PDB file of N, CA and C in Angstrom:
ATOM      1  N   MET A   1       6.943   4.342   2.585  1.00  0.00           N
ATOM      2  CA  MET A   1       7.540   3.965   1.183  1.00  0.00           C
ATOM      3  C   MET A   1       6.652   4.545   0.303  1.00  0.00           C
ATOM      4  N   LEU A   2       7.024   5.197  -0.533  1.00  0.00           N
ATOM      5  CA  LEU A   2       6.205   5.335  -1.792  1.00  0.00           C
ATOM      6  C   LEU A   2       6.521   4.658  -3.359  1.00  0.00           C
ATOM      7  N   TYR A   3       5.510   4.440  -3.931  1.00  0.00           N
ATOM      8  CA  TYR A   3       5.504   3.725  -5.132  1.00  0.00           C
ATOM      9  C   TYR A   3       5.320   4.824  -6.398  1.00  0.00           C
ATOM     10  N   LEU A   4       5.932   4.850  -7.310  1.00  0.00           N
ATOM     11  CA  LEU A   4       5.544   5.735  -8.479  1.00  0.00           C
ATOM     12  C   LEU A   4       4.868   4.781  -9.328  1.00  0.00           C
ATOM     13  N   THR A   5       3.502   5.281  -9.726  1.00  0.00           N
ATOM     14  CA  THR A   5       2.783   4.617 -10.467  1.00  0.00           C
ATOM     15  C   THR A   5       2.250   5.436 -11.481  1.00  0.00           C
ATOM     16  N   THR A   6       1.815   4.702 -12.590  1.00  0.00           N
ATOM     17  CA  THR A   6       0.846   5.303 -13.761  1.00  0.00           C
ATOM     18  C   THR A   6      -0.322   5.570 -13.217  1.00  0.00           C
ATOM     19  N   ARG A   7      -1.258   6.055 -14.385  1.00  0.00           N
ATOM     20  CA  ARG A   7      -2.450   6.265 -14.065  1.00  0.00           C
ATOM     21  C   ARG A   7      -3.130   5.126 -14.120  1.00  0.00           C
ATOM     22  N   ARG A   8      -2.717   3.995 -14.857  1.00  0.00           N
ATOM     23  CA  ARG A   8      -3.271   2.802 -15.153  1.00  0.00           C
ATOM     24  C   ARG A   8      -2.978   1.872 -13.871  1.00  0.00           C
ATOM     25  N   ASP A   9      -1.777   1.800 -13.628  1.00  0.00           N
ATOM     26  CA  ASP A   9      -1.587   1.306 -12.429  1.00  0.00           C
ATOM     27  C   ASP A   9      -2.160   1.596 -11.085  1.00  0.00           C
ATOM     28  N   LEU A  10      -2.738   2.802 -10.947  1.00  0.00           N
ATOM     29  CA  LEU A  10      -3.468   3.541 -10.012  1.00  0.00           C
ATOM     30  C   LEU A  10      -4.897   2.904 -10.281  1.00  0.00           C
ATOM     31  N   VAL A  11      -5.366   2.834 -11.261  1.00  0.00           N
ATOM     32  CA  VAL A  11      -6.868   2.436 -11.404  1.00  0.00           C
ATOM     33  C   VAL A  11      -6.953   0.601 -11.187  1.00  0.00           C
ATOM     34  N   ARG A  12      -5.697  -0.136 -11.628  1.00  0.00           N
ATOM     35  CA  ARG A  12      -5.685  -1.608 -11.548  1.00  0.00           C
ATOM     36  C   ARG A  12      -5.743  -1.504 -10.092  1.00  0.00           C
ATOM     37  N   LEU A  13      -4.887  -0.801  -9.080  1.00  0.00           N
ATOM     38  CA  LEU A  13      -4.857  -0.862  -7.576  1.00  0.00           C
ATOM     39  C   LEU A  13      -6.106  -0.766  -7.167  1.00  0.00           C
ATOM     40  N   GLU A  14      -6.466   0.140  -7.768  1.00  0.00           N
ATOM     41  CA  GLU A  14      -8.235   0.620  -6.892  1.00  0.00           C
ATOM     42  C   GLU A  14      -9.160  -0.428  -7.067  1.00  0.00           C
ATOM     43  N   SER A  15      -9.046  -0.974  -8.334  1.00  0.00           N
ATOM     44  CA  SER A  15      -9.970  -1.849  -8.576  1.00  0.00           C
ATOM     45  C   SER A  15      -9.849  -3.446  -8.031  1.00  0.00           C
ATOM     46  N   THR A  16      -8.556  -3.662  -7.807  1.00  0.00           N
ATOM     47  CA  THR A  16      -8.261  -4.865  -7.228  1.00  0.00           C
ATOM     48  C   THR A  16      -8.467  -5.008  -5.614  1.00  0.00           C
ATOM     49  N   GLU A  17      -8.338  -3.633  -5.140  1.00  0.00           N
ATOM     50  CA  GLU A  17      -8.177  -3.604  -3.708  1.00  0.00           C
ATOM     51  C   GLU A  17      -9.241  -3.103  -3.096  1.00  0.00           C
ATOM     52  N   GLY A  18     -10.303  -2.469  -4.054  1.00  0.00           N
ATOM     53  CA  GLY A  18     -11.739  -2.302  -3.593  1.00  0.00           C
ATOM     54  C   GLY A  18     -11.657  -0.966  -2.907  1.00  0.00           C
ATOM     55  N   VAL A  19     -10.840  -0.140  -3.731  1.00  0.00           N
ATOM     56  CA  VAL A  19     -11.208   1.326  -3.467  1.00  0.00           C
ATOM     57  C   VAL A  19     -11.344   2.371  -4.503  1.00  0.00           C
ATOM     58  N   PRO A  20     -11.841   3.511  -4.416  1.00  0.00           N
ATOM     59  CA  PRO A  20     -12.663   3.918  -3.094  1.00  0.00           C
ATOM     60  C   PRO A  20     -13.788   2.974  -2.856  1.00  0.00           C
ATOM     61  N   GLY A  21     -13.960   2.832  -1.458  1.00  0.00           N
ATOM     62  CA  GLY A  21     -15.304   1.879  -1.236  1.00  0.00           C
ATOM     63  C   GLY A  21     -15.840   2.415   0.050  1.00  0.00           C
ATOM     64  N   ALA A  22     -16.777   1.745   0.725  1.00  0.00           N
ATOM     65  CA  ALA A  22     -17.416   2.341   1.804  1.00  0.00           C
ATOM     66  C   ALA A  22     -16.076   2.530   3.017  1.00  0.00           C
ATOM     67  N   GLY A  23     -15.849   3.374   3.765  1.00  0.00           N
ATOM     68  CA  GLY A  23     -14.899   3.796   4.685  1.00  0.00           C
ATOM     69  C   GLY A  23     -13.720   3.728   4.579  1.00  0.00           C
ATOM     70  N   THR A  24     -13.300   4.170   3.054  1.00  0.00           N
ATOM     71  CA  THR A  24     -12.095   4.409   2.537  1.00  0.00           C
ATOM     72  C   THR A  24     -11.987   5.565   1.947  1.00  0.00           C
ATOM     73  N   THR A  25     -10.910   6.542   2.336  1.00  0.00           N
ATOM     74  CA  THR A  25     -10.560   7.605   1.892  1.00  0.00           C
ATOM     75  C   THR A  25      -9.496   8.014   1.422  1.00  0.00           C
ATOM     76  N   MET A  26      -9.191   8.777   0.250  1.00  0.00           N
ATOM     77  CA  MET A  26      -7.877   9.013  -0.297  1.00  0.00           C
ATOM     78  C   MET A  26      -7.456  10.359   0.103  1.00  0.00           C
ATOM     79  N   SER A  27      -6.155  10.479   0.562  1.00  0.00           N
ATOM     80  CA  SER A  27      -5.577  11.705   0.942  1.00  0.00           C
ATOM     81  C   SER A  27      -4.343  12.033   0.017  1.00  0.00           C
ATOM     82  N   ARG A  28      -4.360  13.374  -0.573  1.00  0.00           N
ATOM     83  CA  ARG A  28      -3.125  13.819  -1.092  1.00  0.00           C
ATOM     84  C   ARG A  28      -2.104  14.269  -0.359  1.00  0.00           C
ATOM     85  N   LEU A  29      -0.836  13.879  -0.626  1.00  0.00           N
ATOM     86  CA  LEU A  29       0.300  14.251   0.044  1.00  0.00           C
ATOM     87  C   LEU A  29       1.350  14.889  -0.695  1.00  0.00           C
ATOM     88  N   ARG A  30       2.416  15.559   0.098  1.00  0.00           N
ATOM     89  CA  ARG A  30       3.364  16.262  -0.733  1.00  0.00           C
ATOM     90  C   ARG A  30       4.799  16.127   0.366  1.00  0.00           C
ATOM     91  N   PRO A  31       5.159  14.895   0.248  1.00  0.00           N
ATOM     92  CA  PRO A  31       6.346  14.322   1.075  1.00  0.00           C
ATOM     93  C   PRO A  31       7.602  15.015   0.624  1.00  0.00           C
ATOM     94  N   LYS A  32       8.541  15.450   1.075  1.00  0.00           N
ATOM     95  CA  LYS A  32      10.064  15.722   1.074  1.00  0.00           C
ATOM     96  C   LYS A  32      10.859  14.511   0.888  1.00  0.00           C
ATOM     97  N   ILE A  33      11.006  14.223  -0.371  1.00  0.00           N
ATOM     98  CA  ILE A  33      12.111  13.155  -0.625  1.00  0.00           C
ATOM     99  C   ILE A  33      13.562  13.574  -0.625  1.00  0.00           C
ATOM    100  N   VAL A  34      14.252  13.275   0.378  1.00  0.00           N
ATOM    101  CA  VAL A  34      15.681  13.702   0.380  1.00  0.00           C
ATOM    102  C   VAL A  34      15.675  15.370   0.232  1.00  0.00           C
ATOM    103  N   VAL A  35      15.876  15.989  -1.280  1.00  0.00           N
ATOM    104  CA  VAL A  35      15.714  17.341  -1.344  1.00  0.00           C
ATOM    105  C   VAL A  35      14.796  17.515  -2.483  1.00  0.00           C
ATOM    106  N   ARG A  36      14.000  16.733  -2.726  1.00  0.00           N
ATOM    107  CA  ARG A  36      12.910  16.698  -3.850  1.00  0.00           C
ATOM    108  C   ARG A  36      11.483  16.458  -3.185  1.00  0.00           C
ATOM    109  N   VAL A  37      10.544  17.559  -3.518  1.00  0.00           N
ATOM    110  CA  VAL A  37       9.053  17.256  -3.156  1.00  0.00           C
ATOM    111  C   VAL A  37       8.331  16.605  -4.219  1.00  0.00           C
ATOM    112  N   VAL A  38       7.345  15.473  -3.816  1.00  0.00           N
ATOM    113  CA  VAL A  38       6.905  14.931  -4.789  1.00  0.00           C
ATOM    114  C   VAL A  38       5.325  14.894  -4.351  1.00  0.00           C
ATOM    115  N   GLN A  39       4.497  14.666  -5.475  1.00  0.00           N
ATOM    116  CA  GLN A  39       3.143  14.488  -5.100  1.00  0.00           C
ATOM    117  C   GLN A  39       2.895  12.928  -4.762  1.00  0.00           C
ATOM    118  N   ALA A  40       1.906  12.631  -4.101  1.00  0.00           N
ATOM    119  CA  ALA A  40       1.767  11.407  -3.600  1.00  0.00           C
ATOM    120  C   ALA A  40       0.142  11.310  -2.811  1.00  0.00           C
ATOM    121  N   ALA A  41      -0.274  10.175  -2.651  1.00  0.00           N
ATOM    122  CA  ALA A  41      -1.415   9.762  -2.368  1.00  0.00           C
ATOM    123  C   ALA A  41      -1.578   8.780  -1.515  1.00  0.00           C
ATOM    124  N   THR A  42      -2.188   8.733  -0.352  1.00  0.00           N
ATOM    125  CA  THR A  42      -2.403   7.316   0.591  1.00  0.00           C
ATOM    126  C   THR A  42      -3.978   6.975   0.773  1.00  0.00           C
ATOM    127  N   TYR A  43      -3.984   5.832   0.997  1.00  0.00           N
ATOM    128  CA  TYR A  43      -5.648   5.423   1.357  1.00  0.00           C
ATOM    129  C   TYR A  43      -5.518   4.996   2.815  1.00  0.00           C
ATOM    130  N   MET A  44      -6.621   5.436   3.295  1.00  0.00           N
ATOM    131  CA  MET A  44      -6.931   5.212   4.856  1.00  0.00           C
ATOM    132  C   MET A  44      -8.214   4.662   4.723  1.00  0.00           C
ATOM    133  N   ALA A  45      -8.095   3.418   5.424  1.00  0.00           N
ATOM    134  CA  ALA A  45      -9.659   2.610   5.787  1.00  0.00           C
ATOM    135  C   ALA A  45      -9.949   2.820   7.214  1.00  0.00           C
ATOM    136  N   GLN A  46     -11.050   2.944   7.466  1.00  0.00           N
ATOM    137  CA  GLN A  46     -11.710   3.196   8.976  1.00  0.00           C
ATOM    138  C   GLN A  46     -11.201   2.063   9.353  1.00  0.00           C
ATOM    139  N   GLY A  47     -11.215   0.637   8.801  1.00  0.00           N
ATOM    140  CA  GLY A  47     -10.886  -0.366   9.734  1.00  0.00           C
ATOM    141  C   GLY A  47     -12.147  -1.044  10.006  1.00  0.00           C
ATOM    142  N   ASN A  48     -12.357  -2.455  10.468  1.00  0.00           N
ATOM    143  CA  ASN A  48     -13.265  -3.261  10.739  1.00  0.00           C
ATOM    144  C   ASN A  48     -12.811  -3.917  11.925  1.00  0.00           C
ATOM    145  N   GLU A  49     -13.851  -4.768  12.541  1.00  0.00           N
ATOM    146  CA  GLU A  49     -13.608  -5.455  13.769  1.00  0.00           C
ATOM    147  C   GLU A  49     -12.522  -6.591  13.253  1.00  0.00           C
ATOM    148  N   VAL A  50     -13.129  -7.002  11.837  1.00  0.00           N
ATOM    149  CA  VAL A  50     -12.174  -8.106  11.376  1.00  0.00           C
ATOM    150  C   VAL A  50     -12.019  -7.551  10.057  1.00  0.00           C
ATOM    151  N   ASP A  51     -10.364  -7.368   9.819  1.00  0.00           N
ATOM    152  CA  ASP A  51     -10.163  -6.839   8.495  1.00  0.00           C
ATOM    153  C   ASP A  51     -10.270  -7.603   7.430  1.00  0.00           C
ATOM    154  N   GLY A  52     -10.154  -7.368   6.083  1.00  0.00           N
ATOM    155  CA  GLY A  52      -9.924  -8.055   5.184  1.00  0.00           C
ATOM    156  C   GLY A  52      -8.605  -8.469   4.826  1.00  0.00           C
ATOM    157  N   ARG A  53      -8.231  -9.386   3.940  1.00  0.00           N
ATOM    158  CA  ARG A  53      -7.059  -9.808   3.506  1.00  0.00           C
ATOM    159  C   ARG A  53      -6.712  -9.018   2.260  1.00  0.00           C
ATOM    160  N   PRO A  54      -5.398  -8.524   1.939  1.00  0.00           N
ATOM    161  CA  PRO A  54      -4.950  -7.884   0.617  1.00  0.00           C
ATOM    162  C   PRO A  54      -4.811  -9.145  -0.363  1.00  0.00           C
ATOM    163  N   SER A  55      -4.869  -8.736  -1.439  1.00  0.00           N
ATOM    164  CA  SER A  55      -4.681  -9.601  -2.723  1.00  0.00           C
ATOM    165  C   SER A  55      -3.202  -9.733  -2.758  1.00  0.00           C
ATOM    166  N   GLN A  56      -2.757 -10.990  -3.504  1.00  0.00           N
ATOM    167  CA  GLN A  56      -1.427 -11.648  -3.228  1.00  0.00           C
ATOM    168  C   GLN A  56      -0.422 -10.466  -3.906  1.00  0.00           C
ATOM    169  N   ARG A  57      -0.963  -9.971  -5.186  1.00  0.00           N
ATOM    170  CA  ARG A  57      -0.304  -8.959  -5.852  1.00  0.00           C
ATOM    171  C   ARG A  57       0.031  -8.124  -4.877  1.00  0.00           C
ATOM    172  N   TYR A  58      -0.683  -7.337  -4.191  1.00  0.00           N
ATOM    173  CA  TYR A  58      -0.528  -6.237  -3.270  1.00  0.00           C
ATOM    174  C   TYR A  58       0.418  -6.598  -2.102  1.00  0.00           C
ATOM    175  N   ILE A  59       0.244  -7.624  -1.412  1.00  0.00           N
ATOM    176  CA  ILE A  59       1.092  -8.006  -0.413  1.00  0.00           C
ATOM    177  C   ILE A  59       2.693  -8.257  -0.867  1.00  0.00           C
ATOM    178  N   THR A  60       2.663  -8.913  -2.202  1.00  0.00           N
ATOM    179  CA  THR A  60       3.940  -9.042  -2.521  1.00  0.00           C
ATOM    180  C   THR A  60       4.934  -7.687  -2.923  1.00  0.00           C
ATOM    181  N   LEU A  61       3.932  -6.668  -3.254  1.00  0.00           N
ATOM    182  CA  LEU A  61       4.663  -5.498  -3.595  1.00  0.00           C
ATOM    183  C   LEU A  61       5.374  -4.792  -2.303  1.00  0.00           C
ATOM    184  N   LEU A  62       4.260  -5.039  -1.356  1.00  0.00           N
ATOM    185  CA  LEU A  62       4.845  -4.694  -0.036  1.00  0.00           C
ATOM    186  C   LEU A  62       5.982  -5.272   0.386  1.00  0.00           C
ATOM    187  N   ARG A  63       6.080  -6.688   0.488  1.00  0.00           N
ATOM    188  CA  ARG A  63       7.326  -7.161   0.752  1.00  0.00           C
ATOM    189  C   ARG A  63       8.412  -7.276   0.094  1.00  0.00           C
ATOM    190  N   ASP A  64       8.152  -7.186  -1.408  1.00  0.00           N
ATOM    191  CA  ASP A  64       9.144  -6.738  -2.042  1.00  0.00           C
ATOM    192  C   ASP A  64       9.983  -5.446  -1.887  1.00  0.00           C
ATOM    193  N   GLY A  65       8.981  -4.475  -1.455  1.00  0.00           N
ATOM    194  CA  GLY A  65       9.453  -3.106  -1.314  1.00  0.00           C
ATOM    195  C   GLY A  65      10.243  -3.108  -0.219  1.00  0.00           C
ATOM    196  N   ALA A  66       9.952  -3.730   0.956  1.00  0.00           N
ATOM    197  CA  ALA A  66      10.346  -3.791   2.379  1.00  0.00           C
ATOM    198  C   ALA A  66      11.771  -4.240   2.263  1.00  0.00           C
ATOM    199  N   ARG A  67      11.880  -5.325   1.553  1.00  0.00           N
ATOM    200  CA  ARG A  67      13.476  -5.969   1.383  1.00  0.00           C
ATOM    201  C   ARG A  67      14.113  -4.873   0.670  1.00  0.00           C
ATOM    202  N   ALA A  68      13.663  -4.661  -0.615  1.00  0.00           N
ATOM    203  CA  ALA A  68      14.599  -3.544  -1.323  1.00  0.00           C
ATOM    204  C   ALA A  68      14.989  -2.316  -0.664  1.00  0.00           C
ATOM    205  N   HIS A  69      14.001  -1.740   0.160  1.00  0.00           N
ATOM    206  CA  HIS A  69      14.741  -0.649   0.757  1.00  0.00           C
ATOM    207  C   HIS A  69      15.206  -0.652   2.226  1.00  0.00           C
ATOM    208  N   GLY A  70      15.409  -2.094   2.512  1.00  0.00           N
ATOM    209  CA  GLY A  70      16.039  -2.512   3.651  1.00  0.00           C
ATOM    210  C   GLY A  70      15.487  -2.120   5.152  1.00  0.00           C
ATOM    211  N   LEU A  71      14.105  -2.272   5.016  1.00  0.00           N
ATOM    212  CA  LEU A  71      13.441  -2.227   6.083  1.00  0.00           C
ATOM    213  C   LEU A  71      13.844  -2.983   7.359  1.00  0.00           C
ATOM    214  N   PRO A  72      13.653  -2.807   8.468  1.00  0.00           N
ATOM    215  CA  PRO A  72      14.035  -3.890   9.553  1.00  0.00           C
ATOM    216  C   PRO A  72      13.175  -5.445   9.521  1.00  0.00           C
ATOM    217  N   GLU A  73      14.154  -6.117  10.043  1.00  0.00           N
ATOM    218  CA  GLU A  73      13.583  -7.618   9.781  1.00  0.00           C
ATOM    219  C   GLU A  73      12.237  -7.838  10.363  1.00  0.00           C
ATOM    220  N   THR A  74      11.857  -7.091  11.627  1.00  0.00           N
ATOM    221  CA  THR A  74      10.800  -7.290  12.153  1.00  0.00           C
ATOM    222  C   THR A  74       9.438  -6.877  11.147  1.00  0.00           C
ATOM    223  N   HIS A  75       9.672  -5.706  10.477  1.00  0.00           N
ATOM    224  CA  HIS A  75       8.671  -5.264   9.590  1.00  0.00           C
ATOM    225  C   HIS A  75       8.501  -6.579   8.533  1.00  0.00           C
ATOM    226  N   ILE A  76       9.640  -7.039   7.903  1.00  0.00           N
ATOM    227  CA  ILE A  76       9.364  -7.805   6.944  1.00  0.00           C
ATOM    228  C   ILE A  76       8.902  -9.248   7.579  1.00  0.00           C
ATOM    229  N   ARG A  77       9.027  -9.838   8.433  1.00  0.00           N
ATOM    230  CA  ARG A  77       8.316 -10.618   9.469  1.00  0.00           C
ATOM    231  C   ARG A  77       7.187 -10.803   9.604  1.00  0.00           C
ATOM    232  N   PHE A  78       6.635  -9.392   9.887  1.00  0.00           N
ATOM    233  CA  PHE A  78       5.217  -8.719   9.950  1.00  0.00           C
ATOM    234  C   PHE A  78       4.419  -9.052   8.481  1.00  0.00           C
ATOM    235  N   LEU A  79       5.100  -8.508   7.514  1.00  0.00           N
ATOM    236  CA  LEU A  79       4.744  -8.670   6.111  1.00  0.00           C
ATOM    237  C   LEU A  79       4.432 -10.346   5.599  1.00  0.00           C
ATOM    238  N   GLU A  80       5.591 -10.762   6.209  1.00  0.00           N
ATOM    239  CA  GLU A  80       5.346 -12.228   5.707  1.00  0.00           C
ATOM    240  C   GLU A  80       4.248 -12.990   6.391  1.00  0.00           C
ATOM    241  N   SER A  81       4.007 -12.491   7.426  1.00  0.00           N
ATOM    242  CA  SER A  81       2.777 -13.331   8.246  1.00  0.00           C
ATOM    243  C   SER A  81       1.317 -12.733   7.771  1.00  0.00           C
ATOM    244  N   VAL A  82       1.157 -11.984   6.933  1.00  0.00           N
ATOM    245  CA  VAL A  82       0.034 -11.502   6.520  1.00  0.00           C
ATOM    246  C   VAL A  82      -0.479 -12.551   5.083  1.00  0.00           C
ATOM    247  N   GLU A  83      -1.813 -12.882   5.479  1.00  0.00           N
ATOM    248  CA  GLU A  83      -2.292 -13.853   4.687  1.00  0.00           C
ATOM    249  C   GLU A  83      -2.980 -13.082   3.750  1.00  0.00           C
ATOM    250  N   HIS A  84      -2.674 -13.689   2.457  1.00  0.00           N
ATOM    251  CA  HIS A  84      -3.620 -12.942   1.148  1.00  0.00           C
ATOM    252  C   HIS A  84      -4.688 -13.789   0.970  1.00  0.00           C
ATOM    253  N   VAL A  85      -5.866 -12.933   0.024  1.00  0.00           N
ATOM    254  CA  VAL A  85      -6.716 -13.402  -0.499  1.00  0.00           C
ATOM    255  C   VAL A  85      -6.461 -14.624  -1.219  1.00  0.00           C
ATOM    256  N   GLN A  86      -7.277 -15.606  -1.058  1.00  0.00           N
ATOM    257  CA  GLN A  86      -7.116 -17.136  -2.084  1.00  0.00           C
ATOM    258  C   GLN A  86      -7.684 -16.603  -3.384  1.00  0.00           C
TER     259      GLN A  86
END
């Protein structure tokens, strides 16, 4: 799933999610969407023995996007099970 973001949204996302940070890298992508190629980026964390929790804003975006794009119910249930930072 891709999100179209403004530069301002990207800066906010990075600041609220602690990106870039230790063990996190960003990769540029050029996925082909139907018949159109778009620029995209993805963040990859090395992972920890115990992973941190996402912000409420971020997990809500993922849940809403999953529902809006008709992802399988198993994916939505998984996202619903993820606890956000208090």
